[in-house]
Amino acid sequence: GGKYDHGASILRVLSFLALITPWNGVVTSYLIGMGKVKQGFYFGIALVALALTGYAVLTPKWGSLGTCVGLLFAFLIITIFLVKYIQRFIPLKVVNTLKRTGDLWRFIRRNLALM
C-alpha cells in the first residue's frame, strides 16, 4: 500500500459529481439564457450554504471523505431543485436526455475515433 491509498475512496465519491455537474451546468445555462441570473445566483448561494453545512457535519466524522460527501450531496440537492425550477418554464426531462445515448456513441465514433 502506498501513502495515498485513502484517496481511492475520495475519488469514488467525487466520481458521482461527473453525473451531477453537467445537469447543474445545463440548467444554470438555461436560467441565464432566460434572463434569470438572480435566481441562478440564489441557487449558487444555497449550494455554498449546503456545502458548508455538509462540511461542518461530516468532516469531523469522516475527514476528507466527509468533505467530499458533503459536496456531493450539496450538488445533488441543488441540482434537483434547479431541474424542478426550470421545468416550470421548459419541459426538461432527465429520462429523455438519458435516452439520447445513441447520439453520444455516434459522436464518439465519428469525431473521436482513434486512428
C-alpha atoms as a PDB file:
ATOM      1  CA  GLY A   1       0.000   0.000   0.000  1.00  0.00           C
ATOM      2  CA  GLY A   2       1.077   3.483  -0.817  1.00  0.00           C
ATOM      3  CA  LYS A   3       0.645   6.607   1.177  1.00  0.00           C
ATOM      4  CA  TYR A   4      -2.305   7.703  -1.000  1.00  0.00           C
ATOM      5  CA  ASP A   5      -4.487   4.598  -0.610  1.00  0.00           C
ATOM      6  CA  HIS A   6      -7.173   6.611   1.201  1.00  0.00           C
ATOM      7  CA  GLY A   7      -7.532   8.721  -1.948  1.00  0.00           C
ATOM      8  CA  ALA A   8      -9.316   5.899  -3.765  1.00  0.00           C
ATOM      9  CA  SER A   9     -12.441   6.245  -1.633  1.00  0.00           C
ATOM     10  CA  ILE A  10     -12.414  10.009  -2.131  1.00  0.00           C
ATOM     11  CA  LEU A  11     -12.198   9.605  -5.906  1.00  0.00           C
ATOM     12  CA  ARG A  12     -15.067   7.116  -5.856  1.00  0.00           C
ATOM     13  CA  VAL A  13     -17.289   9.674  -4.120  1.00  0.00           C
ATOM     14  CA  LEU A  14     -16.182  12.533  -6.358  1.00  0.00           C
ATOM     15  CA  SER A  15     -16.782  10.438  -9.478  1.00  0.00           C
ATOM     16  CA  PHE A  16     -20.522  10.793  -8.877  1.00  0.00           C
ATOM     17  CA  LEU A  17     -20.123  14.522  -9.463  1.00  0.00           C
ATOM     18  CA  ALA A  18     -19.478  13.639 -13.107  1.00  0.00           C
ATOM     19  CA  LEU A  19     -23.156  12.658 -13.319  1.00  0.00           C
ATOM     20  CA  ILE A  20     -24.494  15.674 -11.439  1.00  0.00           C
ATOM     21  CA  THR A  21     -22.333  18.597 -12.546  1.00  0.00           C
ATOM     22  CA  PRO A  22     -23.361  18.536 -16.237  1.00  0.00           C
ATOM     23  CA  TRP A  23     -27.018  18.769 -15.275  1.00  0.00           C
ATOM     24  CA  ASN A  24     -26.234  21.657 -12.980  1.00  0.00           C
ATOM     25  CA  GLY A  25     -24.379  23.431 -15.781  1.00  0.00           C
ATOM     26  CA  VAL A  26     -27.106  22.854 -18.363  1.00  0.00           C
ATOM     27  CA  VAL A  27     -29.884  24.068 -16.116  1.00  0.00           C
ATOM     28  CA  THR A  28     -27.861  27.073 -14.971  1.00  0.00           C
ATOM     29  CA  SER A  29     -27.230  27.948 -18.619  1.00  0.00           C
ATOM     30  CA  TYR A  30     -30.968  27.814 -19.263  1.00  0.00           C
ATOM     31  CA  LEU A  31     -31.545  30.168 -16.333  1.00  0.00           C
ATOM     32  CA  ILE A  32     -29.013  32.674 -17.610  1.00  0.00           C
ATOM     33  CA  GLY A  33     -30.388  32.403 -21.143  1.00  0.00           C
ATOM     34  CA  MET A  34     -33.858  33.182 -19.860  1.00  0.00           C
ATOM     35  CA  GLY A  35     -32.543  36.252 -18.051  1.00  0.00           C
ATOM     36  CA  LYS A  36     -32.983  34.715 -14.603  1.00  0.00           C
ATOM     37  CA  VAL A  37     -29.449  35.462 -13.461  1.00  0.00           C
ATOM     38  CA  LYS A  38     -30.595  36.496  -9.990  1.00  0.00           C
ATOM     39  CA  GLN A  39     -32.256  33.119  -9.424  1.00  0.00           C
ATOM     40  CA  GLY A  40     -29.085  31.357 -10.567  1.00  0.00           C
ATOM     41  CA  PHE A  41     -27.129  33.444  -8.077  1.00  0.00           C
ATOM     42  CA  TYR A  42     -29.512  32.448  -5.279  1.00  0.00           C
ATOM     43  CA  PHE A  43     -29.132  28.777  -6.166  1.00  0.00           C
ATOM     44  CA  GLY A  44     -25.356  29.292  -6.039  1.00  0.00           C
ATOM     45  CA  ILE A  45     -25.623  30.808  -2.553  1.00  0.00           C
ATOM     46  CA  ALA A  46     -27.786  27.869  -1.466  1.00  0.00           C
ATOM     47  CA  LEU A  47     -25.173  25.460  -2.862  1.00  0.00           C
ATOM     48  CA  VAL A  48     -22.432  27.117  -0.821  1.00  0.00           C
ATOM     49  CA  ALA A  49     -24.616  27.093   2.324  1.00  0.00           C
ATOM     50  CA  LEU A  50     -25.460  23.404   1.907  1.00  0.00           C
ATOM     51  CA  ALA A  51     -21.849  22.502   1.175  1.00  0.00           C
ATOM     52  CA  LEU A  52     -20.592  24.372   4.251  1.00  0.00           C
ATOM     53  CA  THR A  53     -23.219  22.660   6.389  1.00  0.00           C
ATOM     54  CA  GLY A  54     -22.192  19.290   4.996  1.00  0.00           C
ATOM     55  CA  TYR A  55     -18.545  20.068   5.651  1.00  0.00           C
ATOM     56  CA  ALA A  56     -19.262  21.125   9.238  1.00  0.00           C
ATOM     57  CA  VAL A  57     -21.248  17.971   9.973  1.00  0.00           C
ATOM     58  CA  LEU A  58     -19.367  15.304   8.008  1.00  0.00           C
ATOM     59  CA  THR A  59     -15.727  16.405   8.042  1.00  0.00           C
ATOM     60  CA  PRO A  60     -15.248  15.904  11.805  1.00  0.00           C
ATOM     61  CA  LYS A  61     -16.700  12.388  11.487  1.00  0.00           C
ATOM     62  CA  TRP A  62     -15.076  11.165   8.252  1.00  0.00           C
ATOM     63  CA  GLY A  63     -12.288  13.621   7.490  1.00  0.00           C
ATOM     64  CA  SER A  64     -11.658  14.414   3.852  1.00  0.00           C
ATOM     65  CA  LEU A  65     -14.136  11.731   2.762  1.00  0.00           C
ATOM     66  CA  GLY A  66     -16.832  13.574   4.734  1.00  0.00           C
ATOM     67  CA  THR A  67     -15.947  16.791   2.948  1.00  0.00           C
ATOM     68  CA  CYS A  68     -16.406  15.063  -0.414  1.00  0.00           C
ATOM     69  CA  VAL A  69     -19.718  13.528   0.642  1.00  0.00           C
ATOM     70  CA  GLY A  70     -20.913  16.949   1.832  1.00  0.00           C
ATOM     71  CA  LEU A  71     -20.043  18.481  -1.535  1.00  0.00           C
ATOM     72  CA  LEU A  72     -21.710  15.623  -3.424  1.00  0.00           C
ATOM     73  CA  PHE A  73     -24.970  15.926  -1.504  1.00  0.00           C
ATOM     74  CA  ALA A  74     -24.985  19.720  -1.785  1.00  0.00           C
ATOM     75  CA  PHE A  75     -24.629  19.488  -5.576  1.00  0.00           C
ATOM     76  CA  LEU A  76     -27.251  16.723  -5.780  1.00  0.00           C
ATOM     77  CA  ILE A  77     -29.844  18.619  -3.745  1.00  0.00           C
ATOM     78  CA  ILE A  78     -29.321  21.938  -5.531  1.00  0.00           C
ATOM     79  CA  THR A  79     -29.337  20.283  -8.949  1.00  0.00           C
ATOM     80  CA  ILE A  80     -32.621  18.532  -8.178  1.00  0.00           C
ATOM     81  CA  PHE A  81     -34.141  21.858  -7.131  1.00  0.00           C
ATOM     82  CA  LEU A  82     -32.701  23.569 -10.212  1.00  0.00           C
ATOM     83  CA  VAL A  83     -34.216  20.956 -12.527  1.00  0.00           C
ATOM     84  CA  LYS A  84     -37.589  21.242 -10.778  1.00  0.00           C
ATOM     85  CA  TYR A  85     -37.430  25.034 -11.019  1.00  0.00           C
ATOM     86  CA  ILE A  86     -36.529  25.092 -14.709  1.00  0.00           C
ATOM     87  CA  GLN A  87     -39.296  22.580 -15.503  1.00  0.00           C
ATOM     88  CA  ARG A  88     -41.749  25.370 -14.715  1.00  0.00           C
ATOM     89  CA  PHE A  89     -40.543  27.066 -17.912  1.00  0.00           C
ATOM     90  CA  ILE A  90     -39.057  24.312 -20.106  1.00  0.00           C
ATOM     91  CA  PRO A  91     -40.236  20.680 -20.437  1.00  0.00           C
ATOM     92  CA  LEU A  92     -36.806  19.332 -19.460  1.00  0.00           C
ATOM     93  CA  LYS A  93     -36.845  15.635 -18.544  1.00  0.00           C
ATOM     94  CA  VAL A  94     -33.845  13.695 -17.306  1.00  0.00           C
ATOM     95  CA  VAL A  95     -35.174  10.424 -18.755  1.00  0.00           C
ATOM     96  CA  ASN A  96     -35.423  11.873 -22.264  1.00  0.00           C
ATOM     97  CA  THR A  97     -31.841  13.071 -22.066  1.00  0.00           C
ATOM     98  CA  LEU A  98     -30.597   9.692 -20.891  1.00  0.00           C
ATOM     99  CA  LYS A  99     -32.361   8.036 -23.831  1.00  0.00           C
ATOM    100  CA  ARG A 100     -30.122  10.025 -26.191  1.00  0.00           C
ATOM    101  CA  THR A 101     -27.047   7.865 -25.592  1.00  0.00           C
ATOM    102  CA  GLY A 102     -27.144   6.807 -29.249  1.00  0.00           C
ATOM    103  CA  ASP A 103     -26.228  10.376 -30.199  1.00  0.00           C
ATOM    104  CA  LEU A 104     -23.272  10.237 -27.856  1.00  0.00           C
ATOM    105  CA  TRP A 105     -21.938   6.995 -29.333  1.00  0.00           C
ATOM    106  CA  ARG A 106     -22.359   8.307 -32.898  1.00  0.00           C
ATOM    107  CA  PHE A 107     -20.459  11.444 -31.957  1.00  0.00           C
ATOM    108  CA  ILE A 108     -17.662   9.413 -30.388  1.00  0.00           C
ATOM    109  CA  ARG A 109     -17.376   7.102 -33.394  1.00  0.00           C
ATOM    110  CA  ARG A 110     -17.380   9.943 -35.935  1.00  0.00           C
ATOM    111  CA  ASN A 111     -15.365  12.611 -34.180  1.00  0.00           C
ATOM    112  CA  LEU A 112     -13.200  10.918 -31.607  1.00  0.00           C
ATOM    113  CA  ALA A 113     -12.242   7.762 -33.466  1.00  0.00           C
ATOM    114  CA  LEU A 114      -8.739   6.579 -32.730  1.00  0.00           C
ATOM    115  CA  MET A 115      -6.636   6.102 -35.841  1.00  0.00           C
END
